[in-house]
N, C-alpha and C. Protein backbone atom coordinates (compact mmCIF):
# COMPACT_ATOMS: atom_id res chain seq x y z
N UNK A 1 52.19 110.76 81.37
CA UNK A 1 52.79 111.24 82.63
C UNK A 1 51.69 111.61 83.61
N UNK A 2 51.77 111.07 84.82
CA UNK A 2 50.74 111.38 85.80
C UNK A 2 51.00 112.75 86.40
N UNK A 3 49.96 113.31 87.00
CA UNK A 3 50.03 114.68 87.52
C UNK A 3 51.15 114.85 88.56
N UNK A 4 51.37 113.82 89.41
CA UNK A 4 52.36 113.95 90.49
C UNK A 4 53.62 113.13 90.24
N UNK A 5 53.88 112.84 88.96
CA UNK A 5 55.09 112.05 88.69
C UNK A 5 56.33 112.80 89.14
N UNK A 6 56.35 114.12 88.92
CA UNK A 6 57.48 114.94 89.33
C UNK A 6 57.00 116.08 90.22
N UNK A 7 57.53 116.16 91.42
CA UNK A 7 57.24 117.30 92.30
C UNK A 7 58.18 118.44 91.93
N UNK A 8 57.73 119.68 92.13
CA UNK A 8 58.62 120.80 91.83
C UNK A 8 59.59 121.03 92.99
N UNK A 9 60.54 121.91 92.77
CA UNK A 9 61.60 122.13 93.76
C UNK A 9 61.05 122.54 95.12
N UNK A 10 60.05 123.44 95.12
CA UNK A 10 59.51 123.92 96.39
C UNK A 10 58.81 122.79 97.15
N UNK A 11 58.07 121.96 96.40
CA UNK A 11 57.38 120.83 97.04
C UNK A 11 58.39 119.86 97.68
N UNK A 12 59.47 119.61 96.97
CA UNK A 12 60.50 118.72 97.50
C UNK A 12 61.18 119.34 98.72
N UNK A 13 61.44 120.65 98.63
CA UNK A 13 62.09 121.35 99.74
C UNK A 13 61.22 121.34 100.99
N UNK A 14 59.90 121.43 100.79
CA UNK A 14 58.96 121.48 101.93
C UNK A 14 58.82 120.14 102.64
N UNK A 15 59.27 119.07 101.99
CA UNK A 15 59.13 117.74 102.60
C UNK A 15 59.91 117.64 103.91
N UNK A 16 61.15 118.15 103.88
CA UNK A 16 61.99 118.12 105.08
C UNK A 16 62.67 119.48 105.20
N UNK A 17 62.47 120.16 106.31
CA UNK A 17 63.06 121.48 106.52
C UNK A 17 64.55 121.33 106.80
N UNK A 18 65.32 122.35 106.39
CA UNK A 18 66.77 122.31 106.59
C UNK A 18 67.12 122.21 108.07
N UNK A 19 66.24 122.74 108.92
CA UNK A 19 66.48 122.68 110.37
C UNK A 19 66.51 121.23 110.87
N UNK A 20 65.83 120.36 110.14
CA UNK A 20 65.76 118.95 110.55
C UNK A 20 67.09 118.21 110.32
N UNK A 21 68.04 118.88 109.64
CA UNK A 21 69.33 118.24 109.40
C UNK A 21 70.22 118.29 110.64
N UNK A 22 69.79 119.04 111.65
CA UNK A 22 70.58 119.20 112.88
C UNK A 22 70.87 117.83 113.49
N UNK A 23 72.11 117.62 113.85
CA UNK A 23 72.47 116.35 114.48
C UNK A 23 72.86 115.26 113.50
N UNK A 24 72.61 115.50 112.21
CA UNK A 24 72.96 114.50 111.19
C UNK A 24 74.43 114.66 110.81
N UNK A 25 75.14 113.54 110.74
CA UNK A 25 76.54 113.57 110.32
C UNK A 25 76.85 112.33 109.50
N UNK A 26 77.23 112.51 108.23
CA UNK A 26 77.57 111.35 107.41
C UNK A 26 78.81 110.65 107.94
N UNK A 27 78.88 109.34 107.75
CA UNK A 27 80.04 108.57 108.16
C UNK A 27 80.75 108.07 106.91
N UNK A 28 82.04 108.34 106.81
CA UNK A 28 82.81 107.92 105.63
C UNK A 28 82.83 106.40 105.52
N UNK A 29 82.76 105.91 104.28
CA UNK A 29 82.79 104.46 104.08
C UNK A 29 84.22 103.92 104.10
N UNK A 30 85.21 104.79 103.88
CA UNK A 30 86.60 104.37 103.92
C UNK A 30 87.07 104.36 105.37
N UNK A 31 87.18 103.18 105.95
CA UNK A 31 87.54 103.08 107.36
C UNK A 31 89.04 102.98 107.57
N UNK A 32 89.80 103.06 106.48
CA UNK A 32 91.26 102.93 106.57
C UNK A 32 91.85 104.05 107.42
N UNK A 33 92.84 103.71 108.26
CA UNK A 33 93.54 104.71 109.06
C UNK A 33 95.01 104.34 109.16
N UNK A 34 95.89 105.21 108.68
CA UNK A 34 97.34 104.97 108.79
C UNK A 34 97.73 104.71 110.24
N UNK A 35 97.20 105.53 111.15
CA UNK A 35 97.55 105.40 112.56
C UNK A 35 97.15 104.06 113.15
N UNK A 36 95.94 103.61 112.81
CA UNK A 36 95.46 102.32 113.35
C UNK A 36 96.22 101.15 112.73
N UNK A 37 96.53 101.27 111.44
CA UNK A 37 97.32 100.22 110.77
C UNK A 37 98.70 100.12 111.43
N UNK A 38 99.30 101.27 111.70
CA UNK A 38 100.62 101.30 112.35
C UNK A 38 100.56 100.63 113.72
N UNK A 39 99.51 100.92 114.49
CA UNK A 39 99.36 100.29 115.81
C UNK A 39 99.33 98.77 115.70
N UNK A 40 98.56 98.28 114.73
CA UNK A 40 98.45 96.83 114.53
C UNK A 40 99.80 96.22 114.16
N UNK A 41 100.48 96.87 113.23
CA UNK A 41 101.78 96.36 112.78
C UNK A 41 102.80 96.37 113.91
N UNK A 42 102.84 97.47 114.67
CA UNK A 42 103.81 97.59 115.76
C UNK A 42 103.51 96.59 116.88
N UNK A 43 102.23 96.34 117.14
CA UNK A 43 101.85 95.38 118.18
C UNK A 43 102.31 93.98 117.83
N UNK A 44 102.42 93.71 116.52
CA UNK A 44 102.84 92.39 116.07
C UNK A 44 104.33 92.36 115.70
N UNK A 45 105.01 93.49 115.87
CA UNK A 45 106.45 93.60 115.54
C UNK A 45 106.72 93.17 114.10
N UNK A 46 105.90 93.68 113.19
CA UNK A 46 106.04 93.24 111.80
C UNK A 46 106.43 94.32 110.82
N UNK A 47 107.04 95.41 111.32
CA UNK A 47 107.27 96.58 110.47
C UNK A 47 108.07 96.27 109.20
N UNK A 48 109.18 95.54 109.32
CA UNK A 48 110.02 95.29 108.14
C UNK A 48 109.51 94.14 107.29
N UNK A 49 109.15 93.03 107.92
CA UNK A 49 108.75 91.85 107.14
C UNK A 49 107.48 92.12 106.34
N UNK A 50 106.56 92.91 106.92
CA UNK A 50 105.32 93.23 106.19
C UNK A 50 105.59 94.21 105.05
N UNK A 51 106.60 95.07 105.23
CA UNK A 51 107.02 95.95 104.13
C UNK A 51 107.51 95.12 102.96
N UNK A 52 108.33 94.10 103.24
CA UNK A 52 108.86 93.27 102.16
C UNK A 52 107.73 92.53 101.44
N UNK A 53 106.72 92.11 102.19
CA UNK A 53 105.54 91.47 101.58
C UNK A 53 104.82 92.44 100.67
N UNK A 54 104.71 93.70 101.10
CA UNK A 54 104.02 94.72 100.31
C UNK A 54 104.77 95.01 99.01
N UNK A 55 106.11 95.08 99.09
CA UNK A 55 106.91 95.31 97.88
C UNK A 55 106.78 94.12 96.94
N UNK A 56 106.86 92.90 97.48
CA UNK A 56 106.73 91.69 96.67
C UNK A 56 105.43 91.71 95.88
N UNK A 57 104.32 92.06 96.56
CA UNK A 57 103.02 92.09 95.89
C UNK A 57 102.96 93.20 94.83
N UNK A 58 103.57 94.33 95.14
CA UNK A 58 103.58 95.43 94.16
C UNK A 58 104.34 95.03 92.90
N UNK A 59 105.39 94.23 93.07
CA UNK A 59 106.22 93.83 91.92
C UNK A 59 105.57 92.73 91.10
N UNK A 60 105.03 91.70 91.75
CA UNK A 60 104.53 90.54 91.00
C UNK A 60 103.02 90.40 90.97
N UNK A 61 102.30 91.20 91.75
CA UNK A 61 100.84 91.07 91.79
C UNK A 61 100.42 89.91 92.68
N UNK A 62 99.13 89.59 92.61
CA UNK A 62 98.62 88.50 93.46
C UNK A 62 97.42 87.81 92.82
N UNK A 63 97.58 87.41 91.57
CA UNK A 63 96.50 86.72 90.88
C UNK A 63 96.11 85.42 91.54
N UNK A 64 94.80 85.16 91.62
CA UNK A 64 94.27 83.92 92.22
C UNK A 64 94.77 83.69 93.64
N UNK A 65 94.97 84.81 94.37
CA UNK A 65 95.41 84.72 95.78
C UNK A 65 96.76 84.02 95.94
N UNK A 66 97.57 84.06 94.88
CA UNK A 66 98.93 83.52 94.96
C UNK A 66 99.87 84.70 95.17
N UNK A 67 100.59 84.71 96.30
CA UNK A 67 101.40 85.87 96.68
C UNK A 67 102.90 85.63 96.50
N UNK A 68 103.28 84.40 96.23
CA UNK A 68 104.69 84.11 95.96
C UNK A 68 105.58 84.18 97.17
N UNK A 69 106.87 84.37 96.89
CA UNK A 69 107.87 84.41 97.96
C UNK A 69 109.00 85.34 97.56
N UNK A 70 109.75 85.77 98.55
CA UNK A 70 110.92 86.61 98.29
C UNK A 70 112.10 86.04 99.07
N UNK A 71 113.30 86.50 98.73
CA UNK A 71 114.50 86.02 99.40
C UNK A 71 115.03 87.13 100.31
N UNK A 72 115.28 86.78 101.55
CA UNK A 72 115.82 87.74 102.52
C UNK A 72 117.04 87.10 103.18
N UNK A 73 118.21 87.71 102.99
CA UNK A 73 119.46 87.17 103.54
C UNK A 73 119.65 85.69 103.18
N UNK A 74 119.35 85.37 101.92
CA UNK A 74 119.54 84.03 101.41
C UNK A 74 118.44 83.04 101.76
N UNK A 75 117.45 83.50 102.53
CA UNK A 75 116.35 82.60 102.94
C UNK A 75 115.08 82.93 102.17
N UNK A 76 114.41 81.89 101.65
CA UNK A 76 113.15 82.09 100.95
C UNK A 76 112.03 82.30 101.96
N UNK A 77 111.24 83.36 101.76
CA UNK A 77 110.14 83.68 102.67
C UNK A 77 108.83 83.61 101.88
N UNK A 78 107.90 82.78 102.35
CA UNK A 78 106.60 82.64 101.70
C UNK A 78 105.66 83.73 102.22
N UNK A 79 105.13 84.54 101.31
CA UNK A 79 104.30 85.68 101.70
C UNK A 79 103.02 85.24 102.41
N UNK A 80 102.38 84.20 101.89
CA UNK A 80 101.12 83.75 102.50
C UNK A 80 101.34 83.28 103.94
N UNK A 81 102.49 82.66 104.19
CA UNK A 81 102.83 82.21 105.55
C UNK A 81 102.97 83.42 106.48
N UNK A 82 103.59 84.48 105.98
CA UNK A 82 103.74 85.71 106.77
C UNK A 82 102.38 86.33 107.04
N UNK A 83 101.53 86.36 106.00
CA UNK A 83 100.18 86.90 106.20
C UNK A 83 99.45 86.16 107.32
N UNK A 84 99.57 84.85 107.31
CA UNK A 84 98.91 84.04 108.34
C UNK A 84 99.47 84.35 109.72
N UNK A 85 100.78 84.46 109.79
CA UNK A 85 101.45 84.72 111.08
C UNK A 85 101.05 86.07 111.67
N UNK A 86 100.86 87.07 110.80
CA UNK A 86 100.58 88.42 111.28
C UNK A 86 99.10 88.82 111.15
N UNK A 87 98.25 87.85 110.83
CA UNK A 87 96.82 88.13 110.79
C UNK A 87 96.37 89.03 109.64
N UNK A 88 97.08 88.95 108.52
CA UNK A 88 96.71 89.74 107.35
C UNK A 88 95.57 89.02 106.63
N UNK A 89 94.45 89.68 106.44
CA UNK A 89 93.29 89.06 105.81
C UNK A 89 93.43 89.05 104.29
N UNK A 90 93.90 87.94 103.76
CA UNK A 90 94.04 87.86 102.29
C UNK A 90 92.77 87.33 101.64
N UNK A 91 91.71 87.14 102.44
CA UNK A 91 90.43 86.66 101.90
C UNK A 91 89.42 87.79 101.76
N UNK A 92 89.77 89.00 102.18
CA UNK A 92 88.82 90.12 102.12
C UNK A 92 88.67 90.60 100.68
N UNK A 93 87.43 90.79 100.25
CA UNK A 93 87.17 91.28 98.90
C UNK A 93 86.90 92.77 98.95
N UNK A 94 86.92 93.42 97.77
CA UNK A 94 86.66 94.85 97.68
C UNK A 94 85.26 95.12 98.24
N UNK A 95 85.16 96.03 99.18
CA UNK A 95 83.85 96.33 99.77
C UNK A 95 83.61 95.60 101.08
N UNK A 96 84.54 94.72 101.48
CA UNK A 96 84.39 94.02 102.75
C UNK A 96 84.42 95.03 103.90
N UNK A 97 83.65 94.76 104.94
CA UNK A 97 83.66 95.63 106.11
C UNK A 97 84.89 95.30 106.96
N UNK A 98 85.73 96.30 107.15
CA UNK A 98 86.98 96.11 107.89
C UNK A 98 87.11 97.17 108.97
N UNK A 99 87.71 96.79 110.09
CA UNK A 99 88.01 97.77 111.12
C UNK A 99 89.18 98.63 110.67
N UNK A 100 89.33 99.84 111.25
CA UNK A 100 90.40 100.76 110.83
C UNK A 100 91.80 100.19 110.91
N UNK A 101 92.04 99.26 111.85
CA UNK A 101 93.38 98.72 112.02
C UNK A 101 93.58 97.34 111.43
N UNK A 102 92.54 96.79 110.78
CA UNK A 102 92.68 95.44 110.20
C UNK A 102 93.62 95.47 109.00
N UNK A 103 94.42 94.42 108.88
CA UNK A 103 95.41 94.33 107.80
C UNK A 103 94.90 93.49 106.64
N UNK A 104 95.13 93.99 105.43
CA UNK A 104 94.90 93.23 104.20
C UNK A 104 96.11 93.50 103.30
N UNK A 105 96.35 92.67 102.28
CA UNK A 105 97.47 92.95 101.37
C UNK A 105 97.38 94.34 100.74
N UNK A 106 96.17 94.75 100.34
CA UNK A 106 96.00 96.07 99.74
C UNK A 106 96.28 97.19 100.71
N UNK A 107 95.84 97.03 101.95
CA UNK A 107 96.07 98.06 102.97
C UNK A 107 97.56 98.18 103.29
N UNK A 108 98.27 97.07 103.25
CA UNK A 108 99.71 97.13 103.49
C UNK A 108 100.40 97.94 102.39
N UNK A 109 99.97 97.76 101.14
CA UNK A 109 100.56 98.53 100.05
C UNK A 109 100.25 100.01 100.21
N UNK A 110 99.05 100.31 100.65
CA UNK A 110 98.69 101.71 100.88
C UNK A 110 99.51 102.30 102.02
N UNK A 111 99.68 101.55 103.11
CA UNK A 111 100.43 102.03 104.27
C UNK A 111 101.90 102.25 103.93
N UNK A 112 102.50 101.32 103.18
CA UNK A 112 103.92 101.40 102.85
C UNK A 112 104.16 102.12 101.51
N UNK A 113 103.22 102.95 101.10
CA UNK A 113 103.28 103.58 99.77
C UNK A 113 104.57 104.36 99.53
N UNK A 114 105.08 105.06 100.55
CA UNK A 114 106.30 105.86 100.37
C UNK A 114 107.51 104.95 100.16
N UNK A 115 107.60 103.88 100.95
CA UNK A 115 108.73 102.95 100.81
C UNK A 115 108.67 102.20 99.47
N UNK A 116 107.47 101.83 99.04
CA UNK A 116 107.33 101.13 97.74
C UNK A 116 107.76 102.07 96.62
N UNK A 117 107.32 103.31 96.68
CA UNK A 117 107.70 104.31 95.70
C UNK A 117 109.22 104.48 95.65
N UNK A 118 109.84 104.56 96.83
CA UNK A 118 111.30 104.70 96.91
C UNK A 118 112.01 103.48 96.32
N UNK A 119 111.46 102.30 96.59
CA UNK A 119 112.05 101.07 96.07
C UNK A 119 112.08 101.11 94.53
N UNK A 120 110.97 101.52 93.91
CA UNK A 120 110.94 101.56 92.45
C UNK A 120 111.81 102.68 91.89
N UNK A 121 111.92 103.77 92.61
CA UNK A 121 112.81 104.86 92.18
C UNK A 121 114.27 104.40 92.17
N UNK A 122 114.64 103.62 93.19
CA UNK A 122 116.04 103.19 93.33
C UNK A 122 116.37 101.95 92.50
N UNK A 123 115.33 101.32 91.95
CA UNK A 123 115.53 100.12 91.13
C UNK A 123 114.85 100.30 89.78
N UNK A 124 115.45 101.09 88.89
CA UNK A 124 114.81 101.40 87.60
C UNK A 124 114.60 100.19 86.69
N UNK A 125 115.27 99.09 87.00
CA UNK A 125 115.10 97.88 86.19
C UNK A 125 113.94 97.01 86.69
N UNK A 126 113.29 97.43 87.79
CA UNK A 126 112.15 96.68 88.33
C UNK A 126 110.90 97.54 88.22
N UNK A 127 109.81 96.94 87.77
CA UNK A 127 108.57 97.71 87.56
C UNK A 127 107.41 97.08 88.31
N UNK A 128 106.46 97.90 88.75
CA UNK A 128 105.25 97.36 89.38
C UNK A 128 104.45 96.53 88.39
N UNK A 129 103.84 95.48 88.87
CA UNK A 129 103.01 94.63 88.02
C UNK A 129 101.88 95.43 87.36
N UNK A 130 101.25 96.32 88.12
CA UNK A 130 100.16 97.13 87.57
C UNK A 130 100.62 97.97 86.39
N UNK A 131 101.79 98.58 86.51
CA UNK A 131 102.34 99.41 85.43
C UNK A 131 102.70 98.56 84.22
N UNK A 132 103.34 97.41 84.45
CA UNK A 132 103.79 96.54 83.35
C UNK A 132 102.63 95.98 82.53
N UNK A 133 101.57 95.54 83.23
CA UNK A 133 100.50 94.82 82.56
C UNK A 133 99.34 95.68 82.07
N UNK A 134 99.12 96.83 82.72
CA UNK A 134 97.87 97.55 82.44
C UNK A 134 98.04 99.02 82.06
N UNK A 135 99.28 99.53 82.06
CA UNK A 135 99.46 100.94 81.72
C UNK A 135 99.97 101.09 80.30
N UNK A 136 100.18 102.34 79.89
CA UNK A 136 100.75 102.61 78.56
C UNK A 136 102.28 102.67 78.63
N UNK A 137 102.84 102.25 79.77
CA UNK A 137 104.28 102.10 79.97
C UNK A 137 105.08 103.41 79.86
N UNK A 138 104.50 104.51 80.34
CA UNK A 138 105.26 105.76 80.39
C UNK A 138 106.19 105.70 81.60
N UNK A 139 107.47 105.76 81.32
CA UNK A 139 108.49 105.59 82.36
C UNK A 139 108.34 106.60 83.50
N UNK A 140 107.91 107.81 83.18
CA UNK A 140 107.82 108.86 84.21
C UNK A 140 106.82 108.52 85.31
N UNK A 141 105.90 107.57 85.01
CA UNK A 141 104.89 107.21 86.02
C UNK A 141 105.11 105.81 86.62
N UNK A 142 106.22 105.17 86.25
CA UNK A 142 106.47 103.80 86.68
C UNK A 142 106.44 103.66 88.20
N UNK A 143 107.11 104.56 88.90
CA UNK A 143 107.25 104.43 90.36
C UNK A 143 106.00 104.80 91.15
N UNK A 144 104.98 105.34 90.46
CA UNK A 144 103.74 105.71 91.17
C UNK A 144 102.52 104.96 90.62
N UNK A 145 102.77 103.89 89.89
CA UNK A 145 101.65 103.14 89.33
C UNK A 145 101.61 101.75 89.96
N UNK A 146 101.15 101.72 91.19
CA UNK A 146 100.96 100.46 91.91
C UNK A 146 99.75 100.62 92.83
N UNK A 147 99.08 99.52 93.19
CA UNK A 147 97.91 99.62 94.07
C UNK A 147 98.29 100.27 95.41
N UNK A 148 97.52 101.27 95.79
CA UNK A 148 97.80 102.01 97.01
C UNK A 148 98.39 103.38 96.73
N UNK A 149 98.87 103.60 95.50
CA UNK A 149 99.52 104.86 95.16
C UNK A 149 98.54 106.03 95.07
N UNK A 150 97.23 105.75 95.07
CA UNK A 150 96.25 106.85 95.09
C UNK A 150 96.39 107.68 96.38
N UNK A 151 96.98 107.08 97.42
CA UNK A 151 97.22 107.82 98.67
C UNK A 151 98.58 108.50 98.66
N UNK A 152 99.32 108.37 97.56
CA UNK A 152 100.68 108.91 97.46
C UNK A 152 100.83 110.00 96.41
N UNK A 153 100.24 109.80 95.23
CA UNK A 153 100.47 110.72 94.09
C UNK A 153 100.16 112.15 94.49
N UNK A 154 100.95 113.07 93.94
CA UNK A 154 100.81 114.49 94.31
C UNK A 154 100.28 115.36 93.18
N UNK A 155 100.52 114.96 91.94
CA UNK A 155 100.12 115.82 90.82
C UNK A 155 98.90 115.27 90.10
N UNK A 156 98.23 116.17 89.41
CA UNK A 156 97.05 115.78 88.64
C UNK A 156 97.42 114.76 87.56
N UNK A 157 98.56 114.97 86.89
CA UNK A 157 98.98 114.05 85.83
C UNK A 157 99.22 112.64 86.37
N UNK A 158 99.88 112.55 87.52
CA UNK A 158 100.12 111.24 88.14
C UNK A 158 98.79 110.56 88.49
N UNK A 159 97.89 111.33 89.07
CA UNK A 159 96.60 110.78 89.49
C UNK A 159 95.78 110.28 88.31
N UNK A 160 95.75 111.07 87.23
CA UNK A 160 94.98 110.68 86.05
C UNK A 160 95.58 109.44 85.37
N UNK A 161 96.91 109.37 85.36
CA UNK A 161 97.57 108.20 84.77
C UNK A 161 97.25 106.94 85.58
N UNK A 162 97.31 107.06 86.90
CA UNK A 162 96.99 105.93 87.78
C UNK A 162 95.54 105.49 87.58
N UNK A 163 94.63 106.46 87.52
CA UNK A 163 93.21 106.14 87.33
C UNK A 163 92.98 105.43 86.00
N UNK A 164 93.62 105.93 84.93
CA UNK A 164 93.47 105.30 83.63
C UNK A 164 93.97 103.86 83.65
N UNK A 165 95.07 103.64 84.36
CA UNK A 165 95.62 102.28 84.49
C UNK A 165 94.64 101.39 85.25
N UNK A 166 94.08 101.91 86.33
CA UNK A 166 93.07 101.16 87.09
C UNK A 166 91.86 100.82 86.21
N UNK A 167 91.46 101.75 85.37
CA UNK A 167 90.29 101.49 84.51
C UNK A 167 90.58 100.37 83.51
N UNK A 168 91.80 100.35 83.00
CA UNK A 168 92.19 99.25 82.11
C UNK A 168 92.16 97.93 82.88
N UNK A 169 92.68 97.95 84.10
CA UNK A 169 92.65 96.76 84.97
C UNK A 169 91.20 96.32 85.19
N UNK A 170 90.32 97.26 85.54
CA UNK A 170 88.91 96.93 85.80
C UNK A 170 88.24 96.33 84.57
N UNK A 171 88.53 96.91 83.41
CA UNK A 171 87.91 96.44 82.17
C UNK A 171 88.29 94.99 81.88
N UNK A 172 89.53 94.65 82.19
CA UNK A 172 90.00 93.28 81.91
C UNK A 172 89.60 92.29 83.01
N UNK A 173 89.53 92.77 84.23
CA UNK A 173 89.29 91.87 85.36
C UNK A 173 87.84 91.89 85.87
N UNK A 174 87.04 92.82 85.37
CA UNK A 174 85.65 92.91 85.83
C UNK A 174 85.53 93.41 87.26
N UNK A 175 86.43 94.32 87.64
CA UNK A 175 86.44 94.86 89.00
C UNK A 175 86.05 96.34 88.99
N UNK A 176 86.10 96.99 90.15
CA UNK A 176 85.76 98.42 90.26
C UNK A 176 86.78 99.15 91.13
N UNK A 177 88.05 98.85 90.91
CA UNK A 177 89.12 99.44 91.71
C UNK A 177 89.23 100.94 91.45
N UNK A 178 89.02 101.36 90.20
CA UNK A 178 89.15 102.78 89.85
C UNK A 178 88.18 103.65 90.64
N UNK A 179 86.96 103.15 90.87
CA UNK A 179 85.96 103.93 91.61
C UNK A 179 86.44 104.23 93.02
N UNK A 180 87.02 103.23 93.67
CA UNK A 180 87.52 103.41 95.03
C UNK A 180 88.70 104.38 95.04
N UNK A 181 89.59 104.25 94.05
CA UNK A 181 90.75 105.15 93.96
C UNK A 181 90.31 106.59 93.71
N UNK A 182 89.26 106.76 92.90
CA UNK A 182 88.70 108.09 92.64
C UNK A 182 88.32 108.78 93.93
N UNK A 183 87.65 108.05 94.82
CA UNK A 183 87.19 108.63 96.08
C UNK A 183 88.36 109.11 96.93
N UNK A 184 89.44 108.33 96.93
CA UNK A 184 90.64 108.71 97.70
C UNK A 184 91.25 109.98 97.10
N UNK A 185 91.35 110.03 95.78
CA UNK A 185 91.95 111.18 95.10
C UNK A 185 91.11 112.44 95.27
N UNK A 186 89.79 112.27 95.27
CA UNK A 186 88.89 113.41 95.50
C UNK A 186 89.02 113.90 96.95
N UNK A 187 89.05 112.96 97.89
CA UNK A 187 89.16 113.32 99.31
C UNK A 187 90.48 114.03 99.59
N UNK A 188 91.53 113.62 98.91
CA UNK A 188 92.86 114.25 99.09
C UNK A 188 92.98 115.54 98.29
N UNK A 189 91.97 115.83 97.46
CA UNK A 189 91.93 117.04 96.62
C UNK A 189 93.06 117.08 95.59
N UNK A 190 93.55 115.91 95.20
CA UNK A 190 94.53 115.84 94.11
C UNK A 190 93.79 116.02 92.78
N UNK A 191 92.57 115.49 92.71
CA UNK A 191 91.70 115.67 91.55
C UNK A 191 90.37 116.27 92.00
N UNK A 192 89.73 116.98 91.08
CA UNK A 192 88.37 117.47 91.31
C UNK A 192 87.41 116.62 90.49
N UNK A 193 86.14 116.75 90.79
CA UNK A 193 85.14 116.02 90.02
C UNK A 193 85.20 116.43 88.55
N UNK A 194 85.50 117.69 88.32
CA UNK A 194 85.61 118.19 86.94
C UNK A 194 86.78 117.53 86.20
N UNK A 195 87.90 117.35 86.90
CA UNK A 195 89.07 116.67 86.30
C UNK A 195 88.69 115.27 85.83
N UNK A 196 87.95 114.56 86.69
CA UNK A 196 87.56 113.19 86.38
C UNK A 196 86.58 113.16 85.22
N UNK A 197 85.62 114.07 85.22
CA UNK A 197 84.64 114.12 84.12
C UNK A 197 85.32 114.43 82.80
N UNK A 198 86.26 115.36 82.82
CA UNK A 198 87.01 115.73 81.60
C UNK A 198 87.78 114.51 81.08
N UNK A 199 88.45 113.82 81.99
CA UNK A 199 89.24 112.65 81.61
C UNK A 199 88.34 111.56 81.02
N UNK A 200 87.17 111.36 81.61
CA UNK A 200 86.23 110.35 81.10
C UNK A 200 85.71 110.71 79.72
N UNK A 201 85.47 112.01 79.49
CA UNK A 201 84.95 112.44 78.19
C UNK A 201 85.99 112.29 77.09
N UNK A 202 87.27 112.43 77.45
CA UNK A 202 88.33 112.39 76.45
C UNK A 202 88.72 110.98 76.04
N UNK A 203 88.18 109.96 76.74
CA UNK A 203 88.55 108.59 76.42
C UNK A 203 87.81 108.08 75.19
């Protein structure tokens, strides 16, 4: 070990004085905004049709960018066609730089989280794809286990169940969705860092 491999606390503190922090303000990496998303949706007059697209995706998922179709008043509606019509970016990957009002399939699920939750509550025979494929199938969490629900869940138990389901999804798909959901849950103060550490240790 060289003499200066590790500086002591005082040496590190002396490098930059606390007064030098004046004027510094961190910028959040989550640019999502309910208000801006609403403005975009309303400008395009897509409030109901985009909700139906969000429910469809919550129910069947969207593997390989295949979004399927739903039936409305006897007419088949192709979700990808609607996305194109309303400028929904279905090509954006996790971590893509997006403006606060830009639409993606995931952002639509987050925006319509209350309606999606209500849909599953009122239709006990229908389950979210995320819950069916990646959870331990506890019925009490069925209606809150869908992508975007991290902005909806209210209790610690709901949040931890959703996170565990995301981790199972990540393990199978090679993604990092749980990390992003963690940040939302921490920011909303539904979970603390200690809650997450405890949950990780118990696995």
